[in-house]
PDB file of N, CA and C in Angstrom:
ATOM      1  N   UNK A   1     103.971  36.280  82.739  1.00  0.00           N
ATOM      2  CA  UNK A   1     103.842  36.946  81.462  1.00  0.00           C
ATOM      3  C   UNK A   1     104.650  38.247  81.501  1.00  0.00           C
ATOM      4  N   UNK A   2     105.413  38.509  80.482  1.00  0.00           N
ATOM      5  CA  UNK A   2     106.231  39.714  80.449  1.00  0.00           C
ATOM      6  C   UNK A   2     105.453  40.875  79.857  1.00  0.00           C
ATOM      7  N   UNK A   3     105.840  42.066  80.276  1.00  0.00           N
ATOM      8  CA  UNK A   3     105.181  43.259  79.756  1.00  0.00           C
ATOM      9  C   UNK A   3     105.862  43.675  78.469  1.00  0.00           C
ATOM     10  N   UNK A   4     105.077  43.885  77.435  1.00  0.00           N
ATOM     11  CA  UNK A   4     105.602  44.307  76.142  1.00  0.00           C
ATOM     12  C   UNK A   4     105.292  45.766  75.935  1.00  0.00           C
ATOM     13  N   UNK A   5     106.112  46.409  75.148  1.00  0.00           N
ATOM     14  CA  UNK A   5     105.788  47.771  74.731  1.00  0.00           C
ATOM     15  C   UNK A   5     105.696  47.760  73.213  1.00  0.00           C
ATOM     16  N   UNK A   6     104.776  48.524  72.697  1.00  0.00           N
ATOM     17  CA  UNK A   6     104.513  48.542  71.267  1.00  0.00           C
ATOM     18  C   UNK A   6     104.738  49.942  70.723  1.00  0.00           C
ATOM     19  N   UNK A   7     105.293  50.012  69.530  1.00  0.00           N
ATOM     20  CA  UNK A   7     105.536  51.301  68.894  1.00  0.00           C
ATOM     21  C   UNK A   7     104.219  51.918  68.440  1.00  0.00           C
ATOM     22  N   UNK A   8     104.214  53.242  68.360  1.00  0.00           N
ATOM     23  CA  UNK A   8     103.005  53.970  67.969  1.00  0.00           C
ATOM     24  C   UNK A   8     102.520  53.537  66.585  1.00  0.00           C
ATOM     25  N   UNK A   9     103.437  53.285  65.665  1.00  0.00           N
ATOM     26  CA  UNK A   9     103.057  52.855  64.322  1.00  0.00           C
ATOM     27  C   UNK A   9     102.300  51.539  64.330  1.00  0.00           C
ATOM     28  N   UNK A  10     102.744  50.609  65.157  1.00  0.00           N
ATOM     29  CA  UNK A  10     102.063  49.320  65.280  1.00  0.00           C
ATOM     30  C   UNK A  10     100.661  49.516  65.853  1.00  0.00           C
ATOM     31  N   UNK A  11     100.562  50.352  66.881  1.00  0.00           N
ATOM     32  CA  UNK A  11      99.265  50.601  67.503  1.00  0.00           C
ATOM     33  C   UNK A  11      98.285  51.201  66.499  1.00  0.00           C
ATOM     34  N   UNK A  12      98.779  52.132  65.691  1.00  0.00           N
ATOM     35  CA  UNK A  12      97.911  52.752  64.685  1.00  0.00           C
ATOM     36  C   UNK A  12      97.474  51.744  63.625  1.00  0.00           C
ATOM     37  N   UNK A  13      98.360  50.829  63.284  1.00  0.00           N
ATOM     38  CA  UNK A  13      98.015  49.768  62.328  1.00  0.00           C
ATOM     39  C   UNK A  13      96.886  48.902  62.890  1.00  0.00           C
ATOM     40  N   UNK A  14      96.992  48.569  64.173  1.00  0.00           N
ATOM     41  CA  UNK A  14      95.950  47.776  64.833  1.00  0.00           C
ATOM     42  C   UNK A  14      94.632  48.551  64.864  1.00  0.00           C
ATOM     43  N   UNK A  15      94.700  49.837  65.177  1.00  0.00           N
ATOM     44  CA  UNK A  15      93.498  50.674  65.235  1.00  0.00           C
ATOM     45  C   UNK A  15      92.804  50.714  63.876  1.00  0.00           C
ATOM     46  N   UNK A  16      93.579  50.859  62.802  1.00  0.00           N
ATOM     47  CA  UNK A  16      92.986  50.891  61.459  1.00  0.00           C
ATOM     48  C   UNK A  16      92.298  49.571  61.133  1.00  0.00           C
ATOM     49  N   UNK A  17      92.943  48.464  61.495  1.00  0.00           N
ATOM     50  CA  UNK A  17      92.348  47.147  61.261  1.00  0.00           C
ATOM     51  C   UNK A  17      91.051  47.010  62.055  1.00  0.00           C
ATOM     52  N   UNK A  18      91.054  47.501  63.290  1.00  0.00           N
ATOM     53  CA  UNK A  18      89.862  47.411  64.138  1.00  0.00           C
ATOM     54  C   UNK A  18      88.716  48.241  63.565  1.00  0.00           C
ATOM     55  N   UNK A  19      89.046  49.365  62.954  1.00  0.00           N
ATOM     56  CA  UNK A  19      88.007  50.198  62.335  1.00  0.00           C
ATOM     57  C   UNK A  19      87.384  49.488  61.133  1.00  0.00           C
ATOM     58  N   UNK A  20      88.215  48.774  60.370  1.00  0.00           N
ATOM     59  CA  UNK A  20      87.726  48.071  59.184  1.00  0.00           C
ATOM     60  C   UNK A  20      86.882  46.855  59.548  1.00  0.00           C
ATOM     61  N   UNK A  21      87.250  46.177  60.625  1.00  0.00           N
ATOM     62  CA  UNK A  21      86.498  44.990  61.032  1.00  0.00           C
ATOM     63  C   UNK A  21      85.893  45.250  62.412  1.00  0.00           C
ATOM     64  N   UNK A  22      86.547  44.740  63.450  1.00  0.00           N
ATOM     65  CA  UNK A  22      86.140  45.030  64.824  1.00  0.00           C
ATOM     66  C   UNK A  22      87.307  44.747  65.764  1.00  0.00           C
ATOM     67  N   UNK A  23      87.155  45.126  67.019  1.00  0.00           N
ATOM     68  CA  UNK A  23      88.245  44.995  67.984  1.00  0.00           C
ATOM     69  C   UNK A  23      88.676  43.545  68.179  1.00  0.00           C
ATOM     70  N   UNK A  24      87.724  42.639  68.241  1.00  0.00           N
ATOM     71  CA  UNK A  24      88.044  41.232  68.490  1.00  0.00           C
ATOM     72  C   UNK A  24      88.875  40.637  67.356  1.00  0.00           C
ATOM     73  N   UNK A  25      88.512  40.929  66.121  1.00  0.00           N
ATOM     74  CA  UNK A  25      89.274  40.390  64.989  1.00  0.00           C
ATOM     75  C   UNK A  25      90.681  40.971  64.948  1.00  0.00           C
ATOM     76  N   UNK A  26      90.809  42.254  65.221  1.00  0.00           N
ATOM     77  CA  UNK A  26      92.136  42.877  65.236  1.00  0.00           C
ATOM     78  C   UNK A  26      92.989  42.271  66.345  1.00  0.00           C
ATOM     79  N   UNK A  27      92.381  42.046  67.493  1.00  0.00           N
ATOM     80  CA  UNK A  27      93.114  41.459  68.619  1.00  0.00           C
ATOM     81  C   UNK A  27      93.611  40.059  68.275  1.00  0.00           C
ATOM     82  N   UNK A  28      92.759  39.265  67.645  1.00  0.00           N
ATOM     83  CA  UNK A  28      93.171  37.909  67.256  1.00  0.00           C
ATOM     84  C   UNK A  28      94.300  37.943  66.236  1.00  0.00           C
ATOM     85  N   UNK A  29      94.172  38.805  65.234  1.00  0.00           N
ATOM     86  CA  UNK A  29      95.177  38.858  64.173  1.00  0.00           C
ATOM     87  C   UNK A  29      96.552  39.232  64.721  1.00  0.00           C
ATOM     88  N   UNK A  30      96.592  40.214  65.625  1.00  0.00           N
ATOM     89  CA  UNK A  30      97.872  40.705  66.136  1.00  0.00           C
ATOM     90  C   UNK A  30      98.280  40.068  67.461  1.00  0.00           C
ATOM     91  N   UNK A  31      97.456  39.121  67.934  1.00  0.00           N
ATOM     92  CA  UNK A  31      97.739  38.387  69.165  1.00  0.00           C
ATOM     93  C   UNK A  31      97.919  39.315  70.366  1.00  0.00           C
ATOM     94  N   UNK A  32      96.957  40.185  70.526  1.00  0.00           N
ATOM     95  CA  UNK A  32      96.912  41.079  71.677  1.00  0.00           C
ATOM     96  C   UNK A  32      95.506  40.991  72.263  1.00  0.00           C
ATOM     97  N   UNK A  33      95.277  41.664  73.379  1.00  0.00           N
ATOM     98  CA  UNK A  33      93.961  41.595  74.004  1.00  0.00           C
ATOM     99  C   UNK A  33      93.010  42.628  73.401  1.00  0.00           C
ATOM    100  N   UNK A  34      91.713  42.342  73.511  1.00  0.00           N
ATOM    101  CA  UNK A  34      90.713  43.306  73.039  1.00  0.00           C
ATOM    102  C   UNK A  34      90.799  44.600  73.831  1.00  0.00           C
ATOM    103  N   UNK A  35      91.148  44.491  75.104  1.00  0.00           N
ATOM    104  CA  UNK A  35      91.283  45.686  75.955  1.00  0.00           C
ATOM    105  C   UNK A  35      92.353  46.615  75.403  1.00  0.00           C
ATOM    106  N   UNK A  36      93.458  46.049  74.938  1.00  0.00           N
ATOM    107  CA  UNK A  36      94.524  46.864  74.356  1.00  0.00           C
ATOM    108  C   UNK A  36      94.006  47.597  73.120  1.00  0.00           C
ATOM    109  N   UNK A  37      93.271  46.896  72.285  1.00  0.00           N
ATOM    110  CA  UNK A  37      92.726  47.518  71.072  1.00  0.00           C
ATOM    111  C   UNK A  37      91.782  48.652  71.459  1.00  0.00           C
ATOM    112  N   UNK A  38      90.920  48.403  72.423  1.00  0.00           N
ATOM    113  CA  UNK A  38      89.982  49.426  72.878  1.00  0.00           C
ATOM    114  C   UNK A  38      90.722  50.657  73.398  1.00  0.00           C
ATOM    115  N   UNK A  39      91.730  50.427  74.231  1.00  0.00           N
ATOM    116  CA  UNK A  39      92.511  51.543  74.785  1.00  0.00           C
ATOM    117  C   UNK A  39      93.215  52.318  73.681  1.00  0.00           C
ATOM    118  N   UNK A  40      93.803  51.611  72.730  1.00  0.00           N
ATOM    119  CA  UNK A  40      94.526  52.276  71.645  1.00  0.00           C
ATOM    120  C   UNK A  40      93.575  53.072  70.766  1.00  0.00           C
ATOM    121  N   UNK A  41      92.360  52.589  70.586  1.00  0.00           N
ATOM    122  CA  UNK A  41      91.385  53.354  69.790  1.00  0.00           C
ATOM    123  C   UNK A  41      91.035  54.662  70.493  1.00  0.00           C
ATOM    124  N   UNK A  42      90.965  54.624  71.815  1.00  0.00           N
ATOM    125  CA  UNK A  42      90.693  55.840  72.582  1.00  0.00           C
ATOM    126  C   UNK A  42      91.871  56.811  72.509  1.00  0.00           C
ATOM    127  N   UNK A  43      93.086  56.278  72.349  1.00  0.00           N
ATOM    128  CA  UNK A  43      94.305  57.092  72.326  1.00  0.00           C
ATOM    129  C   UNK A  43      94.735  57.459  70.909  1.00  0.00           C
ATOM    130  N   UNK A  44      93.915  57.195  69.934  1.00  0.00           N
ATOM    131  CA  UNK A  44      94.319  57.336  68.532  1.00  0.00           C
ATOM    132  C   UNK A  44      94.906  58.709  68.207  1.00  0.00           C
ATOM    133  N   UNK A  45      94.280  59.774  68.640  1.00  0.00           N
ATOM    134  CA  UNK A  45      94.773  61.116  68.311  1.00  0.00           C
ATOM    135  C   UNK A  45      96.163  61.353  68.895  1.00  0.00           C
ATOM    136  N   UNK A  46      96.385  60.929  70.130  1.00  0.00           N
ATOM    137  CA  UNK A  46      97.702  61.087  70.755  1.00  0.00           C
ATOM    138  C   UNK A  46      98.741  60.236  70.031  1.00  0.00           C
ATOM    139  N   UNK A  47      98.356  59.040  69.599  1.00  0.00           N
ATOM    140  CA  UNK A  47      99.281  58.158  68.886  1.00  0.00           C
ATOM    141  C   UNK A  47      99.697  58.757  67.548  1.00  0.00           C
ATOM    142  N   UNK A  48      98.771  59.445  66.894  1.00  0.00           N
ATOM    143  CA  UNK A  48      99.087  60.055  65.601  1.00  0.00           C
ATOM    144  C   UNK A  48     100.127  61.160  65.745  1.00  0.00           C
ATOM    145  N   UNK A  49     100.190  61.788  66.899  1.00  0.00           N
ATOM    146  CA  UNK A  49     101.139  62.882  67.118  1.00  0.00           C
ATOM    147  C   UNK A  49     102.521  62.377  67.526  1.00  0.00           C
ATOM    148  N   UNK A  50     102.633  61.111  67.926  1.00  0.00           N
ATOM    149  CA  UNK A  50     103.916  60.541  68.338  1.00  0.00           C
ATOM    150  C   UNK A  50     104.702  60.076  67.115  1.00  0.00           C
ATOM    151  N   UNK A  51     106.049  60.079  67.214  1.00  0.00           N
ATOM    152  CA  UNK A  51     106.843  59.454  66.147  1.00  0.00           C
ATOM    153  C   UNK A  51     106.470  57.973  66.046  1.00  0.00           C
ATOM    154  N   UNK A  52     106.420  57.449  64.840  1.00  0.00           N
ATOM    155  CA  UNK A  52     105.957  56.075  64.613  1.00  0.00           C
ATOM    156  C   UNK A  52     106.803  55.022  65.337  1.00  0.00           C
ATOM    157  N   UNK A  53     108.090  55.313  65.550  1.00  0.00           N
ATOM    158  CA  UNK A  53     108.977  54.334  66.175  1.00  0.00           C
ATOM    159  C   UNK A  53     108.990  54.446  67.686  1.00  0.00           C
ATOM    160  N   UNK A  54     108.302  55.420  68.243  1.00  0.00           N
ATOM    161  CA  UNK A  54     108.373  55.659  69.677  1.00  0.00           C
ATOM    162  C   UNK A  54     107.377  54.792  70.424  1.00  0.00           C
ATOM    163  N   UNK A  55     107.850  54.228  71.529  1.00  0.00           N
ATOM    164  CA  UNK A  55     106.968  53.495  72.422  1.00  0.00           C
ATOM    165  C   UNK A  55     106.463  54.464  73.480  1.00  0.00           C
ATOM    166  N   UNK A  56     105.446  54.067  74.189  1.00  0.00           N
ATOM    167  CA  UNK A  56     104.880  54.929  75.230  1.00  0.00           C
ATOM    168  C   UNK A  56     105.911  55.181  76.316  1.00  0.00           C
ATOM    169  N   UNK A  57     105.897  56.374  76.823  1.00  0.00           N
ATOM    170  CA  UNK A  57     106.772  56.703  77.950  1.00  0.00           C
ATOM    171  C   UNK A  57     106.015  56.394  79.228  1.00  0.00           C
ATOM    172  N   UNK A  58     106.657  55.629  80.070  1.00  0.00           N
ATOM    173  CA  UNK A  58     106.040  55.296  81.348  1.00  0.00           C
ATOM    174  C   UNK A  58     106.825  55.988  82.445  1.00  0.00           C
ATOM    175  N   UNK A  59     106.126  56.622  83.328  1.00  0.00           N
ATOM    176  CA  UNK A  59     106.792  57.232  84.468  1.00  0.00           C
ATOM    177  C   UNK A  59     106.012  56.853  85.708  1.00  0.00           C
ATOM    178  N   UNK A  60     106.728  56.310  86.653  1.00  0.00           N
ATOM    179  CA  UNK A  60     106.094  55.914  87.895  1.00  0.00           C
ATOM    180  C   UNK A  60     106.432  56.893  88.998  1.00  0.00           C
ATOM    181  N   UNK A  61     105.810  56.699  90.111  1.00  0.00           N
ATOM    182  CA  UNK A  61     106.092  57.526  91.271  1.00  0.00           C
ATOM    183  C   UNK A  61     107.359  56.988  91.913  1.00  0.00           C
ATOM    184  N   UNK A  62     108.268  57.884  92.267  1.00  0.00           N
ATOM    185  CA  UNK A  62     109.500  57.457  92.923  1.00  0.00           C
ATOM    186  C   UNK A  62     109.163  56.797  94.250  1.00  0.00           C
ATOM    187  N   UNK A  63     109.684  55.599  94.452  1.00  0.00           N
ATOM    188  CA  UNK A  63     109.406  54.912  95.705  1.00  0.00           C
ATOM    189  C   UNK A  63     110.298  55.433  96.830  1.00  0.00           C
ATOM    190  N   UNK A  64     111.480  55.925  96.477  1.00  0.00           N
ATOM    191  CA  UNK A  64     112.412  56.476  97.463  1.00  0.00           C
ATOM    192  C   UNK A  64     112.995  57.777  96.918  1.00  0.00           C
ATOM    193  N   UNK A  65     112.290  58.887  97.048  1.00  0.00           N
ATOM    194  CA  UNK A  65     112.780  60.135  96.457  1.00  0.00           C
ATOM    195  C   UNK A  65     114.121  60.586  97.023  1.00  0.00           C
ATOM    196  N   UNK A  66     114.362  60.322  98.321  1.00  0.00           N
ATOM    197  CA  UNK A  66     115.648  60.714  98.912  1.00  0.00           C
ATOM    198  C   UNK A  66     116.794  59.955  98.251  1.00  0.00           C
ATOM    199  N   UNK A  67     116.602  58.666  98.041  1.00  0.00           N
ATOM    200  CA  UNK A  67     117.627  57.847  97.394  1.00  0.00           C
ATOM    201  C   UNK A  67     117.846  58.308  95.960  1.00  0.00           C
ATOM    202  N   UNK A  68     116.774  58.591  95.240  1.00  0.00           N
ATOM    203  CA  UNK A  68     116.889  59.082  93.867  1.00  0.00           C
ATOM    204  C   UNK A  68     117.700  60.371  93.811  1.00  0.00           C
ATOM    205  N   UNK A  69     117.425  61.284  94.739  1.00  0.00           N
ATOM    206  CA  UNK A  69     118.146  62.560  94.762  1.00  0.00           C
ATOM    207  C   UNK A  69     119.615  62.362  95.089  1.00  0.00           C
ATOM    208  N   UNK A  70     119.922  61.477  96.041  1.00  0.00           N
ATOM    209  CA  UNK A  70     121.327  61.269  96.410  1.00  0.00           C
ATOM    210  C   UNK A  70     122.095  60.588  95.275  1.00  0.00           C
ATOM    211  N   UNK A  71     121.447  59.707  94.543  1.00  0.00           N
ATOM    212  CA  UNK A  71     122.106  59.054  93.413  1.00  0.00           C
ATOM    213  C   UNK A  71     122.336  60.036  92.269  1.00  0.00           C
ATOM    214  N   UNK A  72     121.438  60.987  92.118  1.00  0.00           N
ATOM    215  CA  UNK A  72     121.558  61.970  91.047  1.00  0.00           C
ATOM    216  C   UNK A  72     122.709  62.940  91.289  1.00  0.00           C
ATOM    217  N   UNK A  73     123.087  63.124  92.552  1.00  0.00           N
ATOM    218  CA  UNK A  73     124.164  64.076  92.884  1.00  0.00           C
ATOM    219  C   UNK A  73     125.534  63.531  92.641  1.00  0.00           C
TER     220      UNK A  73
END
């Protein structure tokens, strides 16, 4: 299964639908998991502050910081 990223506007649309009905119905309608709906409802305030077209920024821990630094130079 591939990892998808969703825009803030889409997430807010799902959150609004979940508020009107429930998480399970919103998840079925948009073909996502209930866990995603639950998480997005918890993040609602942060999502409202993001540009609607922006996807979440993911940053991981550098696995090889020395290599990253040498490539940056």
